[in-house]
Protein backbone atom coordinates (compact mmCIF):
# COMPACT_ATOMS: atom_id res chain seq x y z
CA MET A 1 -17.38 -122.35 15.85
CA LYS A 2 -14.90 -125.11 16.68
CA GLY A 3 -12.16 -126.31 14.35
CA THR A 4 -8.44 -127.04 14.32
CA VAL A 5 -5.65 -124.68 15.30
CA TYR A 6 -2.34 -125.68 13.73
CA LEU A 7 1.34 -124.75 13.93
CA ILE A 8 3.52 -124.83 10.83
CA HIS A 9 7.32 -124.92 11.00
CA LEU A 10 9.38 -123.65 8.05
CA ASP A 11 12.79 -125.16 7.26
CA GLU A 12 14.19 -121.63 6.87
CA LYS A 13 13.23 -118.25 8.28
CA ILE A 14 11.49 -115.61 6.21
CA SER A 15 12.69 -112.30 7.58
CA HIS A 16 12.54 -113.02 11.32
CA ALA A 17 9.77 -115.66 11.37
CA GLN A 18 9.91 -119.44 11.05
CA HIS A 19 6.40 -120.41 12.20
CA TYR A 20 2.79 -119.88 11.23
CA ILE A 21 -0.25 -120.43 13.43
CA GLY A 22 -3.62 -120.86 11.75
CA TRP A 23 -7.19 -121.99 12.38
CA THR A 24 -9.67 -123.77 10.12
CA ASN A 25 -12.79 -125.90 10.02
CA PHE A 26 -11.44 -127.80 7.00
CA PHE A 27 -7.90 -128.78 7.99
CA GLU A 28 -6.85 -130.92 5.02
CA LYS A 29 -8.20 -128.44 2.46
CA ARG A 30 -6.56 -125.50 4.23
CA ILE A 31 -3.16 -127.19 4.29
CA GLU A 32 -3.56 -128.00 0.60
CA HIS A 33 -4.26 -124.31 -0.06
CA HIS A 34 -1.10 -123.36 1.82
CA ARG A 35 0.97 -125.87 -0.16
CA ASN A 36 -0.41 -124.39 -3.40
CA GLY A 37 0.61 -120.87 -2.33
CA ASN A 38 -2.96 -119.71 -1.66
CA GLY A 39 -4.28 -118.27 1.57
CA ALA A 40 -1.80 -116.81 4.02
CA LYS A 41 0.68 -114.38 2.45
CA PHE A 42 3.48 -115.64 4.71
CA LEU A 43 3.14 -119.22 3.48
CA ALA A 44 2.62 -118.08 -0.11
CA GLU A 45 6.02 -116.41 0.20
CA ALA A 46 7.51 -119.66 1.52
CA VAL A 47 6.13 -121.49 -1.52
CA ARG A 48 7.48 -118.78 -3.84
CA LEU A 49 10.93 -119.09 -2.22
CA SER A 50 10.76 -122.93 -2.29
CA ILE A 51 11.04 -123.16 1.50
CA ASN A 52 9.68 -126.44 2.80
CA PHE A 53 7.23 -126.40 5.67
CA GLU A 54 5.22 -128.90 7.68
CA VAL A 55 2.45 -128.99 10.24
CA VAL A 56 4.16 -129.90 13.49
CA ARG A 57 1.34 -129.51 15.99
CA THR A 58 -2.45 -129.32 16.06
CA TRP A 59 -5.09 -128.51 18.65
CA LYS A 60 -8.48 -130.07 17.85
CA ASN A 61 -11.90 -128.69 18.74
CA LYS A 62 -10.64 -125.12 19.27
CA ASP A 63 -11.86 -121.77 18.00
CA GLY A 64 -10.33 -118.64 16.53
CA ASN A 65 -9.96 -117.14 20.01
CA PHE A 66 -7.49 -119.89 20.92
CA GLU A 67 -5.53 -119.19 17.72
CA ARG A 68 -5.41 -115.47 18.62
CA LYS A 69 -4.17 -116.27 22.15
CA LEU A 70 -1.30 -118.33 20.71
CA LYS A 71 -0.42 -115.65 18.16
CA ASN A 72 -0.48 -112.91 20.81
CA GLN A 73 2.14 -114.80 22.82
CA LYS A 74 4.56 -114.18 19.92
CA ASN A 75 6.52 -117.27 20.86
CA ALA A 76 5.53 -120.05 18.47
CA ARG A 77 9.06 -121.45 18.76
CA ARG A 78 8.27 -122.50 22.33
CA LEU A 79 5.26 -124.48 21.06
CA CYS A 80 7.19 -126.16 18.22
CA PRO A 81 8.39 -129.74 18.81
CA LYS A 82 11.00 -129.41 16.02
CA CYS A 83 12.57 -126.40 17.68
CA LYS A 84 12.56 -128.12 21.06
CA GLU A 85 14.49 -131.04 19.50
CA LYS A 86 17.18 -128.65 18.25
CA THR A 87 17.80 -127.25 21.72
CA LYS A 88 18.44 -130.67 23.30
């Protein structure tokens, strides 16, 4: 099933991580769930700690396999446009 893969950048790190990669068929609803502290434990922790986050990149018409490939790379920072700006 095709949907949207998305990359979220947090303003501050939680432990060692500053990014979240997810996949959904219902993008707007899923982001709303994240903002409400529901869904992914990592983003729920960001909400609990009042750490701001934003979707910085999306890939349309992709499936969960694409999400898994990105996660397995363990280098979301390289995919993040906000992080690339900081290194310039």
